[in-house]
N, C-alpha and C. Protein backbone atom coordinates (compact mmCIF):
# COMPACT_ATOMS: atom_id res chain seq x y z
N UNK A 1 99.85 -68.64 39.42
CA UNK A 1 98.56 -68.01 39.56
C UNK A 1 98.39 -66.96 38.49
N UNK A 2 97.18 -66.85 38.04
CA UNK A 2 96.89 -65.84 37.03
C UNK A 2 96.22 -64.66 37.70
N UNK A 3 96.60 -63.49 37.26
CA UNK A 3 96.00 -62.27 37.81
C UNK A 3 94.84 -61.85 36.92
N UNK A 4 93.88 -61.22 37.52
CA UNK A 4 92.76 -60.71 36.75
C UNK A 4 93.15 -59.47 35.96
N UNK A 5 92.32 -59.08 35.08
CA UNK A 5 92.60 -57.91 34.24
C UNK A 5 92.61 -56.63 35.08
N UNK A 6 91.72 -56.52 36.05
CA UNK A 6 91.61 -55.29 36.83
C UNK A 6 92.57 -55.23 38.01
N UNK A 7 93.31 -56.29 38.28
CA UNK A 7 94.17 -56.27 39.46
C UNK A 7 95.30 -55.25 39.33
N UNK A 8 95.83 -55.06 38.14
CA UNK A 8 96.88 -54.07 37.95
C UNK A 8 96.35 -52.64 38.05
N UNK A 9 95.12 -52.43 37.64
CA UNK A 9 94.53 -51.10 37.68
C UNK A 9 94.22 -50.70 39.11
N UNK A 10 93.74 -51.62 39.90
CA UNK A 10 93.35 -51.27 41.26
C UNK A 10 94.55 -50.95 42.13
N UNK A 11 95.70 -51.55 41.87
CA UNK A 11 96.86 -51.23 42.68
C UNK A 11 97.46 -49.89 42.30
N UNK A 12 97.33 -49.47 41.06
CA UNK A 12 97.88 -48.19 40.63
C UNK A 12 96.92 -47.04 40.91
N UNK A 13 95.69 -47.32 41.07
CA UNK A 13 94.67 -46.29 41.17
C UNK A 13 94.19 -46.18 42.61
N UNK A 14 94.79 -45.25 43.34
CA UNK A 14 94.39 -45.05 44.74
C UNK A 14 94.17 -43.58 45.00
N UNK A 15 93.12 -43.25 45.70
CA UNK A 15 92.86 -41.89 46.14
C UNK A 15 92.60 -40.92 45.02
N UNK A 16 93.22 -39.75 45.12
CA UNK A 16 92.99 -38.66 44.19
C UNK A 16 93.71 -38.84 42.86
N UNK A 17 94.62 -39.79 42.77
CA UNK A 17 95.40 -39.94 41.55
C UNK A 17 94.69 -40.76 40.48
N UNK A 18 93.62 -41.36 40.81
CA UNK A 18 92.90 -42.20 39.86
C UNK A 18 92.12 -41.34 38.86
N UNK A 19 92.37 -41.49 37.57
CA UNK A 19 91.65 -40.67 36.59
C UNK A 19 90.14 -40.92 36.59
N UNK A 20 89.74 -42.13 36.83
CA UNK A 20 88.32 -42.44 36.86
C UNK A 20 87.63 -41.75 38.04
N UNK A 21 88.28 -41.78 39.20
CA UNK A 21 87.72 -41.12 40.37
C UNK A 21 87.69 -39.61 40.18
N UNK A 22 88.72 -39.08 39.56
CA UNK A 22 88.75 -37.64 39.30
C UNK A 22 87.64 -37.24 38.33
N UNK A 23 87.40 -38.05 37.34
CA UNK A 23 86.35 -37.77 36.36
C UNK A 23 84.97 -37.79 37.02
N UNK A 24 84.73 -38.77 37.88
CA UNK A 24 83.43 -38.83 38.54
C UNK A 24 83.25 -37.67 39.51
N UNK A 25 84.32 -37.27 40.18
CA UNK A 25 84.23 -36.11 41.07
C UNK A 25 83.97 -34.84 40.28
N UNK A 26 84.61 -34.72 39.12
CA UNK A 26 84.40 -33.55 38.27
C UNK A 26 82.97 -33.52 37.74
N UNK A 27 82.44 -34.66 37.35
CA UNK A 27 81.05 -34.72 36.90
C UNK A 27 80.10 -34.32 38.02
N UNK A 28 80.36 -34.82 39.21
CA UNK A 28 79.51 -34.50 40.35
C UNK A 28 79.59 -33.01 40.67
N UNK A 29 80.78 -32.45 40.69
CA UNK A 29 80.95 -31.04 41.01
C UNK A 29 80.29 -30.15 39.95
N UNK A 30 80.42 -30.53 38.68
CA UNK A 30 79.80 -29.72 37.63
C UNK A 30 78.28 -29.82 37.70
N UNK A 31 77.76 -30.97 38.06
CA UNK A 31 76.31 -31.12 38.21
C UNK A 31 75.81 -30.28 39.39
N UNK A 32 76.54 -30.27 40.49
CA UNK A 32 76.15 -29.46 41.64
C UNK A 32 76.16 -27.97 41.27
N UNK A 33 77.19 -27.54 40.53
CA UNK A 33 77.29 -26.15 40.11
C UNK A 33 76.14 -25.78 39.17
N UNK A 34 75.86 -26.61 38.19
CA UNK A 34 74.78 -26.33 37.24
C UNK A 34 73.42 -26.31 37.94
N UNK A 35 73.22 -27.22 38.86
CA UNK A 35 71.96 -27.27 39.60
C UNK A 35 71.79 -26.01 40.46
N UNK A 36 72.87 -25.55 41.07
CA UNK A 36 72.79 -24.34 41.90
C UNK A 36 72.47 -23.11 41.05
N UNK A 37 73.14 -22.98 39.90
CA UNK A 37 72.87 -21.85 39.02
C UNK A 37 71.42 -21.89 38.53
N UNK A 38 70.93 -23.05 38.19
CA UNK A 38 69.55 -23.19 37.75
C UNK A 38 68.57 -22.82 38.86
N UNK A 39 68.85 -23.26 40.06
CA UNK A 39 67.97 -22.96 41.20
C UNK A 39 67.98 -21.48 41.53
N UNK A 40 69.14 -20.85 41.49
CA UNK A 40 69.24 -19.41 41.76
C UNK A 40 68.50 -18.62 40.67
N UNK A 41 68.67 -19.03 39.42
CA UNK A 41 67.99 -18.34 38.33
C UNK A 41 66.48 -18.46 38.41
N UNK A 42 66.00 -19.65 38.69
CA UNK A 42 64.55 -19.84 38.79
C UNK A 42 63.96 -19.11 40.00
N UNK A 43 64.68 -19.10 41.11
CA UNK A 43 64.16 -18.39 42.28
C UNK A 43 64.14 -16.88 42.03
N UNK A 44 65.11 -16.36 41.27
CA UNK A 44 65.08 -14.94 40.92
C UNK A 44 63.88 -14.63 40.04
N UNK A 45 63.61 -15.49 39.08
CA UNK A 45 62.48 -15.27 38.17
C UNK A 45 61.15 -15.30 38.94
N UNK A 46 61.03 -16.15 39.93
CA UNK A 46 59.79 -16.26 40.69
C UNK A 46 59.67 -15.14 41.72
N UNK A 47 60.76 -14.84 42.43
CA UNK A 47 60.68 -13.89 43.54
C UNK A 47 60.76 -12.42 43.12
N UNK A 48 61.31 -12.12 41.97
CA UNK A 48 61.45 -10.73 41.54
C UNK A 48 60.10 -10.02 41.42
N UNK A 49 59.11 -10.57 40.75
CA UNK A 49 57.81 -9.87 40.70
C UNK A 49 57.13 -9.76 42.06
N UNK A 50 57.30 -10.76 42.90
CA UNK A 50 56.69 -10.71 44.23
C UNK A 50 57.30 -9.58 45.06
N UNK A 51 58.62 -9.46 45.02
CA UNK A 51 59.28 -8.38 45.76
C UNK A 51 58.92 -7.02 45.18
N UNK A 52 58.78 -6.93 43.87
CA UNK A 52 58.39 -5.66 43.26
C UNK A 52 56.98 -5.26 43.68
N UNK A 53 56.05 -6.22 43.71
CA UNK A 53 54.68 -5.92 44.14
C UNK A 53 54.64 -5.54 45.62
N UNK A 54 55.47 -6.19 46.42
CA UNK A 54 55.54 -5.84 47.83
C UNK A 54 56.07 -4.42 48.00
N UNK A 55 57.06 -4.06 47.21
CA UNK A 55 57.58 -2.70 47.25
C UNK A 55 56.53 -1.69 46.79
N UNK A 56 55.76 -2.05 45.79
CA UNK A 56 54.70 -1.15 45.30
C UNK A 56 53.60 -0.94 46.35
N UNK A 57 53.37 -1.91 47.19
CA UNK A 57 52.30 -1.79 48.18
C UNK A 57 52.64 -0.80 49.29
N UNK A 58 53.92 -0.53 49.50
CA UNK A 58 54.31 0.40 50.56
C UNK A 58 54.53 1.82 50.03
N UNK A 59 54.29 2.06 48.78
CA UNK A 59 54.50 3.39 48.20
C UNK A 59 53.27 4.26 48.37
N UNK A 60 53.54 5.55 48.39
CA UNK A 60 52.44 6.51 48.34
C UNK A 60 52.11 6.72 46.87
N UNK A 61 50.92 7.23 46.54
CA UNK A 61 50.53 7.34 45.13
C UNK A 61 51.48 8.17 44.26
N UNK A 62 52.05 9.24 44.80
CA UNK A 62 52.94 10.06 43.96
C UNK A 62 54.29 9.38 43.72
N UNK A 63 54.66 8.39 44.54
CA UNK A 63 55.88 7.62 44.27
C UNK A 63 55.71 6.68 43.08
N UNK A 64 54.47 6.30 42.77
CA UNK A 64 54.22 5.42 41.63
C UNK A 64 54.51 6.10 40.30
N UNK A 65 54.38 7.42 40.26
CA UNK A 65 54.61 8.17 39.02
C UNK A 65 56.06 8.65 38.90
N UNK A 66 56.84 8.53 39.96
CA UNK A 66 58.23 9.00 39.94
C UNK A 66 59.13 7.92 39.35
N UNK A 67 59.81 8.19 38.22
CA UNK A 67 60.64 7.16 37.61
C UNK A 67 61.93 6.85 38.37
N UNK A 68 62.33 7.73 39.29
CA UNK A 68 63.56 7.46 40.04
C UNK A 68 63.34 6.47 41.18
N UNK A 69 62.08 6.24 41.54
CA UNK A 69 61.76 5.28 42.60
C UNK A 69 61.46 3.94 41.93
N UNK A 70 62.32 2.96 42.20
CA UNK A 70 62.11 1.65 41.59
C UNK A 70 61.79 0.61 42.65
N UNK A 71 62.69 0.39 43.59
CA UNK A 71 62.48 -0.66 44.59
C UNK A 71 62.13 -0.09 45.97
N UNK A 72 62.82 0.95 46.40
CA UNK A 72 62.63 1.47 47.76
C UNK A 72 61.88 2.80 47.67
N UNK A 73 60.70 2.89 48.28
CA UNK A 73 59.94 4.14 48.22
C UNK A 73 60.61 5.25 49.03
N UNK A 74 60.31 6.49 48.67
CA UNK A 74 60.88 7.65 49.41
C UNK A 74 60.29 7.73 50.81
N UNK A 75 59.01 7.47 50.95
CA UNK A 75 58.37 7.49 52.26
C UNK A 75 57.47 6.26 52.37
N UNK A 76 57.52 5.62 53.51
CA UNK A 76 56.74 4.40 53.73
C UNK A 76 55.34 4.73 54.21
N UNK A 77 54.37 3.98 53.77
CA UNK A 77 53.00 4.09 54.27
C UNK A 77 52.53 2.70 54.70
N UNK A 78 51.69 2.69 55.70
CA UNK A 78 51.17 1.41 56.20
C UNK A 78 49.67 1.43 56.21
């Protein structure tokens, strides 16, 4: 009987020891990491001005001129 070309590879390549499987897992993990960093960066770019405007809406007028007040006002107004 003749063996196929891939029959020797499949018997040696099982589980975590297979270089091909490790490469695909590494590609998948790097893609997940890159996608997460991209999503976090884009959400920061979008949400940062919104949160700043929300913070500005709760300030009293003299807090707007104070350079030490950036995100949290000294006194809240509603």
